[in-house]
Amino acid sequence: MNVKALTENGVTANESVTPHPPAKRNSGFWKSVLQQKYLYLMSLPFVIWVFVFSYVPLWGWLMAFQNYKPVKSFRDQKWVGLDNFKELFQDDRFYLVLRNTLGMSLLGLVFGFVVPITFAVMLNELRGSVFKRTVQTVSYLPHFVSWVVVGGIVYKILAIDGGIVNDLLMWLHLIDEPIQFMAKGHYFWGVLTATDIWKETGWNAIIYLAAITGIDKEMYEAAKVDGAGRIKQIFNITLPGIRSTIMILLIMSIGHLIGIGFEKQFQLGNNLVTDYSEVLDLYALKYGIQISRFSYGTAISMFTSVVSIILLLLANGVMKKVTKESIM
């Protein structure tokens, strides 16, 4: 490039057009780190916590390839290769448990998304600030109630003797005799999904309400001027405005389709509905702790983790291509 071209672009002939050397860029990086040192120090305990409790235990995956015996040292363990995984995929119980896991996960995914979003949008439309805050506070309080307490409440509500649900159905003449909701397996998925929605809707809606508050208010004013009613504003401004939040949470939820935990199923389930309430985490707990088949239990948990990672990556890739939204 000649001197005239450089001068026309705002660079004099005496100025250098070479990029900054690496040393200068590195000094800028460390300067930025020093300026934000307190933020890094505040995040350090959480980084350590994640490393200690999420990454260090991964060495235990080696047990899935062993016939692990706690009385023996690590060197003396017998290596069995993929035998535990072969046994897992040949177990009919495994496929029953997998069905339960996917069934409850899909119900939770559908209703766990639609209900909180709908609730957040409806709550946002309330004009009375005092009533709005009251409803929001009451709705997310169940999140802080232990599943042990929730399980007892559900059993009491659905009881055949004095349970409010059966009493109401009989009073409305919808049934002739009380229904044993907690003793029939085909009711379990619905009971668990409804309970989970009641417990978590208010808490999950907080995220969407926070996203809604970030939408420019002038867009609503312009829509009103153009004659758009509340329904049109919801579908043309509110929902598109929180689209990114919805997509990101959906991707993360898909990643947890197979790893849904066991607290809900453990508290609400019983021996009469085991064929519908047992999920993969309970299956791993049963073999790993109760029966002391540590290697087999580790293989189950390892399968769950690997499939969860695959589902997360697939969901992220599909969403990135279709909606241009992703988490990585």
Protein backbone atom coordinates (compact mmCIF):
# COMPACT_ATOMS: atom_id res chain seq x y z
CA MET A 1 0.00 0.00 0.00
CA ASN A 2 1.49 3.38 -1.02
CA VAL A 3 1.79 6.50 1.14
CA LYS A 4 -1.11 8.23 -0.61
CA ALA A 5 -3.50 5.32 0.09
CA LEU A 6 -2.42 5.22 3.72
CA THR A 7 -2.96 8.95 4.08
CA GLU A 8 -6.42 8.71 2.56
CA ASN A 9 -7.38 6.04 5.11
CA GLY A 10 -6.30 8.16 8.05
CA VAL A 11 -2.78 6.73 8.51
CA THR A 12 0.22 8.96 8.03
CA ALA A 13 3.34 7.84 6.30
CA ASN A 14 5.25 7.73 9.59
CA GLU A 15 2.74 5.39 11.30
CA SER A 16 3.21 1.65 11.32
CA VAL A 17 0.43 -0.58 9.97
CA THR A 18 1.80 -3.79 11.43
CA PRO A 19 -0.37 -5.53 14.06
CA HIS A 20 0.44 -5.29 17.73
CA PRO A 21 3.09 -7.79 18.77
CA PRO A 22 2.01 -10.83 20.83
CA ALA A 23 3.73 -9.51 23.94
CA LYS A 24 1.58 -6.39 23.90
CA ARG A 25 -1.61 -8.40 23.43
CA ASN A 26 -0.65 -10.71 26.31
CA SER A 27 0.04 -7.74 28.56
CA GLY A 28 -3.44 -6.45 27.76
CA PHE A 29 -4.93 -9.81 28.75
CA TRP A 30 -3.12 -9.91 32.09
CA LYS A 31 -4.05 -6.29 32.72
CA SER A 32 -7.69 -7.23 32.24
CA VAL A 33 -7.27 -10.19 34.63
CA LEU A 34 -5.76 -7.92 37.28
CA GLN A 35 -8.59 -5.43 36.89
CA GLN A 36 -11.15 -8.20 37.47
CA LYS A 37 -9.16 -10.15 40.05
CA TYR A 38 -11.91 -9.96 42.66
CA LEU A 39 -14.42 -11.52 40.27
CA TYR A 40 -12.02 -14.39 39.58
CA LEU A 41 -11.40 -14.86 43.29
CA MET A 42 -15.15 -14.95 43.98
CA SER A 43 -15.66 -17.63 41.30
CA LEU A 44 -12.69 -19.72 42.45
CA PRO A 45 -14.59 -21.64 45.20
CA PHE A 46 -17.24 -22.70 42.68
CA VAL A 47 -14.60 -23.84 40.19
CA ILE A 48 -12.95 -25.90 42.93
CA TRP A 49 -16.33 -27.32 43.98
CA VAL A 50 -17.14 -28.41 40.40
CA PHE A 51 -13.67 -29.93 39.96
CA VAL A 52 -13.77 -31.88 43.23
CA PHE A 53 -17.33 -33.18 42.98
CA SER A 54 -17.81 -33.47 39.21
CA TYR A 55 -14.44 -34.28 37.67
CA VAL A 56 -12.39 -36.05 40.34
CA PRO A 57 -15.05 -38.80 40.82
CA LEU A 58 -14.81 -39.69 37.11
CA TRP A 59 -11.93 -42.03 37.93
CA GLY A 60 -14.62 -44.27 39.45
CA TRP A 61 -15.83 -45.08 35.92
CA LEU A 62 -12.98 -47.58 35.81
CA MET A 63 -15.08 -49.81 38.08
CA ALA A 64 -17.46 -50.39 35.17
CA PHE A 65 -14.70 -52.39 33.49
CA GLN A 66 -13.82 -54.38 36.61
CA ASN A 67 -15.35 -56.93 38.92
CA TYR A 68 -14.85 -54.47 41.73
CA LYS A 69 -14.45 -55.72 45.30
CA PRO A 70 -14.09 -53.08 48.04
CA VAL A 71 -11.83 -55.36 50.14
CA LYS A 72 -9.19 -55.43 47.42
CA SER A 73 -6.79 -52.68 46.43
CA PHE A 74 -7.11 -51.03 43.02
CA ARG A 75 -4.19 -53.05 41.64
CA ASP A 76 -5.78 -56.36 42.65
CA GLN A 77 -9.15 -55.74 40.96
CA LYS A 78 -10.13 -58.13 38.18
CA TRP A 79 -10.64 -56.47 34.80
CA VAL A 80 -13.63 -57.82 32.88
CA GLY A 81 -13.75 -55.47 29.90
CA LEU A 82 -17.27 -54.81 28.60
CA ASP A 83 -18.94 -57.70 30.44
CA ASN A 84 -20.98 -55.40 32.68
CA PHE A 85 -22.32 -53.50 29.68
CA LYS A 86 -23.17 -56.74 27.86
CA GLU A 87 -25.11 -57.93 30.89
CA LEU A 88 -26.84 -54.55 31.10
CA PHE A 89 -28.13 -54.66 27.53
CA GLN A 90 -29.27 -58.26 27.95
CA ASP A 91 -31.34 -57.48 31.06
CA ASP A 92 -35.07 -57.15 30.30
CA ARG A 93 -35.48 -55.05 33.45
CA PHE A 94 -33.14 -52.45 31.99
CA TYR A 95 -35.45 -51.78 29.03
CA LEU A 96 -38.47 -51.52 31.34
CA VAL A 97 -36.65 -48.97 33.47
CA LEU A 98 -35.49 -47.12 30.36
CA ARG A 99 -39.11 -46.93 29.18
CA ASN A 100 -40.16 -45.43 32.52
CA THR A 101 -37.32 -42.92 32.44
CA LEU A 102 -38.07 -41.71 28.91
CA GLY A 103 -41.84 -41.66 29.52
CA MET A 104 -41.64 -39.49 32.62
CA SER A 105 -38.91 -37.33 31.06
CA LEU A 106 -40.95 -36.58 27.94
CA LEU A 107 -44.04 -35.72 30.00
CA GLY A 108 -41.93 -33.46 32.18
CA LEU A 109 -40.29 -31.89 29.12
CA VAL A 110 -43.60 -31.06 27.43
CA PHE A 111 -45.61 -29.86 30.43
CA GLY A 112 -42.55 -28.54 32.26
CA PHE A 113 -42.02 -26.10 29.40
CA VAL A 114 -45.51 -25.17 28.34
CA VAL A 115 -46.91 -24.54 31.82
CA PRO A 116 -44.12 -22.27 33.20
CA ILE A 117 -43.99 -20.21 29.98
CA THR A 118 -47.77 -19.81 29.98
CA PHE A 119 -47.76 -18.93 33.67
CA ALA A 120 -44.96 -16.36 33.22
CA VAL A 121 -46.74 -14.68 30.30
CA MET A 122 -50.04 -14.56 32.21
CA LEU A 123 -48.31 -13.22 35.30
CA ASN A 124 -46.62 -10.54 33.22
CA GLU A 125 -50.02 -9.40 31.95
CA LEU A 126 -51.30 -8.67 35.47
CA ARG A 127 -51.56 -4.95 36.12
CA GLY A 128 -51.90 -4.94 39.90
CA SER A 129 -48.34 -4.97 41.25
CA VAL A 130 -49.30 -6.12 44.76
CA PHE A 131 -51.43 -9.00 43.50
CA LYS A 132 -48.75 -9.90 40.95
CA ARG A 133 -46.01 -10.11 43.59
CA THR A 134 -48.28 -12.12 45.88
CA VAL A 135 -49.10 -14.67 43.19
CA GLN A 136 -45.44 -14.97 42.22
CA THR A 137 -44.33 -15.50 45.82
CA VAL A 138 -47.00 -18.10 46.54
CA SER A 139 -46.27 -19.95 43.28
CA TYR A 140 -42.57 -20.52 43.87
CA LEU A 141 -42.76 -21.40 47.58
CA PRO A 142 -43.41 -25.13 46.85
CA HIS A 143 -39.96 -25.30 45.23
CA PHE A 144 -38.40 -25.04 48.68
CA VAL A 145 -40.49 -27.86 50.14
CA SER A 146 -38.65 -31.18 50.44
CA TRP A 147 -39.82 -34.07 48.29
CA VAL A 148 -40.23 -36.04 51.52
CA VAL A 149 -42.90 -33.56 52.64
CA VAL A 150 -44.41 -33.35 49.15
CA GLY A 151 -44.68 -37.14 49.01
CA GLY A 152 -46.64 -37.19 52.25
CA ILE A 153 -48.96 -34.44 51.02
CA VAL A 154 -49.65 -36.26 47.74
CA TYR A 155 -50.41 -39.54 49.51
CA LYS A 156 -52.81 -37.72 51.82
CA ILE A 157 -54.57 -35.86 49.00
CA LEU A 158 -55.00 -39.00 46.88
CA ALA A 159 -55.93 -41.33 49.75
CA ILE A 160 -59.07 -43.44 49.34
CA ASP A 161 -60.14 -42.60 52.89
CA GLY A 162 -60.52 -38.86 53.35
CA GLY A 163 -58.47 -37.86 50.31
CA ILE A 164 -59.71 -34.58 48.88
CA VAL A 165 -59.43 -35.74 45.25
CA ASN A 166 -61.53 -38.86 45.71
CA ASP A 167 -64.05 -37.00 47.87
CA LEU A 168 -64.43 -34.31 45.22
CA LEU A 169 -64.81 -36.81 42.36
CA MET A 170 -67.45 -38.73 44.28
CA TRP A 171 -69.28 -35.52 45.24
CA LEU A 172 -69.41 -34.61 41.54
CA HIS A 173 -70.68 -38.15 40.81
CA LEU A 174 -67.80 -38.77 38.40
CA ILE A 175 -66.86 -42.01 40.15
CA ASP A 176 -68.83 -44.53 42.22
CA GLU A 177 -65.99 -45.58 44.53
CA PRO A 178 -62.59 -44.15 45.51
CA ILE A 179 -59.71 -44.71 43.09
CA GLN A 180 -56.46 -46.11 44.44
CA PHE A 181 -54.22 -43.67 42.60
CA MET A 182 -51.03 -44.67 44.43
CA ALA A 183 -51.59 -48.41 44.04
CA LYS A 184 -52.10 -48.57 40.27
CA GLY A 185 -49.06 -48.19 38.07
CA HIS A 186 -50.75 -46.62 35.07
CA TYR A 187 -51.63 -43.57 37.20
CA PHE A 188 -48.08 -43.03 38.46
CA TRP A 189 -46.66 -41.04 35.54
CA GLY A 190 -49.58 -38.62 35.60
CA VAL A 191 -49.44 -38.19 39.37
CA LEU A 192 -45.69 -37.54 39.30
CA THR A 193 -45.93 -35.08 36.39
CA ALA A 194 -48.78 -33.14 38.02
CA THR A 195 -46.91 -33.01 41.33
CA ASP A 196 -43.72 -31.83 39.68
CA ILE A 197 -45.59 -29.08 37.80
CA TRP A 198 -47.22 -27.86 41.02
CA LYS A 199 -43.86 -27.82 42.80
CA GLU A 200 -41.64 -26.27 40.13
CA THR A 201 -43.82 -24.08 37.89
CA GLY A 202 -43.43 -20.91 39.94
CA TRP A 203 -39.67 -21.35 40.26
CA ASN A 204 -39.15 -22.09 36.56
CA ALA A 205 -41.30 -19.13 35.59
CA ILE A 206 -38.85 -16.74 37.29
CA ILE A 207 -36.36 -17.22 34.44
CA TYR A 208 -38.96 -16.36 31.81
CA LEU A 209 -40.21 -13.37 33.80
CA ALA A 210 -36.65 -12.06 34.00
CA ALA A 211 -36.31 -12.47 30.22
CA ILE A 212 -39.63 -10.68 29.65
CA THR A 213 -38.48 -7.68 31.70
CA GLY A 214 -35.57 -7.29 29.29
CA ILE A 215 -37.89 -6.64 26.33
CA ASP A 216 -37.96 -3.01 25.21
CA LYS A 217 -41.17 -1.39 26.50
CA GLU A 218 -41.28 0.89 23.48
CA MET A 219 -42.13 -2.13 21.34
CA TYR A 220 -45.35 -2.60 23.32
CA GLU A 221 -46.15 1.10 23.02
CA ALA A 222 -45.64 0.98 19.26
CA ALA A 223 -47.83 -2.11 19.02
CA LYS A 224 -50.62 -0.36 20.94
CA VAL A 225 -50.40 2.60 18.58
CA ASP A 226 -50.76 0.20 15.64
CA GLY A 227 -53.88 -1.27 17.23
CA ALA A 228 -52.45 -4.56 18.49
CA GLY A 229 -54.31 -6.09 21.43
CA ARG A 230 -52.82 -8.05 24.30
CA ILE A 231 -53.00 -11.40 22.51
CA LYS A 232 -51.18 -10.06 19.46
CA GLN A 233 -48.57 -8.42 21.67
CA ILE A 234 -47.93 -11.75 23.40
CA PHE A 235 -47.44 -13.69 20.17
CA ASN A 236 -45.57 -10.95 18.28
CA ILE A 237 -43.46 -9.35 21.01
CA THR A 238 -43.35 -11.29 24.28
CA LEU A 239 -42.79 -14.83 23.00
CA PRO A 240 -40.30 -13.82 20.26
CA GLY A 241 -38.51 -11.70 22.88
CA ILE A 242 -37.85 -14.70 25.14
CA ARG A 243 -37.16 -17.12 22.29
CA SER A 244 -33.44 -17.37 23.06
CA THR A 245 -34.13 -18.21 26.70
CA ILE A 246 -36.66 -20.87 25.73
CA MET A 247 -34.28 -22.50 23.24
CA ILE A 248 -31.34 -22.62 25.64
CA LEU A 249 -33.42 -24.12 28.45
CA LEU A 250 -34.92 -26.60 25.99
CA ILE A 251 -31.47 -27.77 24.91
CA MET A 252 -30.41 -28.25 28.53
CA SER A 253 -33.63 -30.12 29.34
CA ILE A 254 -33.12 -32.49 26.40
CA GLY A 255 -29.67 -33.24 27.79
CA HIS A 256 -31.31 -34.36 31.03
CA LEU A 257 -33.94 -36.57 29.41
CA ILE A 258 -32.32 -39.75 30.64
CA GLY A 259 -30.74 -38.43 33.83
CA ILE A 260 -33.79 -37.21 35.76
CA GLY A 261 -32.67 -38.23 39.24
CA PHE A 262 -34.67 -40.44 41.58
CA GLU A 263 -35.96 -38.28 44.44
CA LYS A 264 -39.48 -37.86 43.05
CA GLN A 265 -39.86 -41.50 42.07
CA PHE A 266 -38.38 -42.71 45.36
CA GLN A 267 -40.77 -40.64 47.49
CA LEU A 268 -43.95 -41.23 45.48
CA GLY A 269 -43.33 -44.83 44.45
CA ASN A 270 -44.05 -48.05 46.32
CA ASN A 271 -43.83 -51.80 45.74
CA LEU A 272 -47.20 -51.87 43.96
CA VAL A 273 -46.09 -49.48 41.20
CA THR A 274 -42.42 -50.42 40.86
CA ASP A 275 -42.83 -51.43 37.21
CA TYR A 276 -43.85 -47.84 36.45
CA SER A 277 -41.86 -45.85 39.02
CA GLU A 278 -38.36 -47.31 38.76
CA VAL A 279 -35.99 -45.15 36.69
CA LEU A 280 -32.35 -45.58 35.67
CA ASP A 281 -30.94 -43.80 38.71
CA LEU A 282 -33.01 -45.98 41.05
CA TYR A 283 -31.95 -49.02 39.03
CA ALA A 284 -28.28 -48.06 39.50
CA LEU A 285 -28.83 -47.38 43.20
CA LYS A 286 -30.49 -50.75 43.66
CA TYR A 287 -27.63 -52.74 42.10
CA GLY A 288 -24.78 -50.48 43.19
CA ILE A 289 -25.70 -50.02 46.87
CA GLN A 290 -28.40 -52.45 47.94
CA ILE A 291 -27.07 -55.52 46.11
CA SER A 292 -23.42 -54.31 46.31
CA ARG A 293 -22.77 -54.89 42.62
CA PHE A 294 -20.64 -51.78 42.37
CA SER A 295 -19.31 -52.45 38.88
CA TYR A 296 -22.76 -53.09 37.42
CA GLY A 297 -24.18 -49.99 39.10
CA THR A 298 -21.29 -47.93 37.73
CA ALA A 299 -21.97 -49.27 34.22
CA ILE A 300 -25.60 -48.12 34.48
CA SER A 301 -24.57 -44.65 35.64
CA MET A 302 -21.91 -44.43 32.96
CA PHE A 303 -24.47 -45.32 30.29
CA THR A 304 -26.76 -42.57 31.61
CA SER A 305 -24.00 -39.95 31.55
CA VAL A 306 -22.76 -40.82 28.06
CA VAL A 307 -26.27 -40.81 26.58
CA SER A 308 -26.99 -37.46 28.29
CA ILE A 309 -23.89 -35.92 26.70
CA ILE A 310 -24.86 -37.28 23.28
CA LEU A 311 -28.40 -35.93 23.61
CA LEU A 312 -27.06 -32.53 24.66
CA LEU A 313 -24.69 -32.31 21.69
CA LEU A 314 -27.38 -33.48 19.24
CA ALA A 315 -29.95 -31.02 20.60
CA ASN A 316 -27.42 -28.21 20.50
CA GLY A 317 -26.43 -29.02 16.91
CA VAL A 318 -30.01 -29.27 15.67
CA MET A 319 -31.08 -26.06 17.40
CA LYS A 320 -28.04 -24.24 16.07
CA LYS A 321 -28.93 -25.16 12.48
CA VAL A 322 -32.69 -24.69 12.77
CA THR A 323 -33.08 -21.73 15.12
CA LYS A 324 -29.51 -20.30 15.20
CA GLU A 325 -29.61 -20.65 19.00
CA SER A 326 -27.11 -22.76 20.92
CA ILE A 327 -25.25 -23.00 24.22
CA MET A 328 -21.82 -23.60 22.70
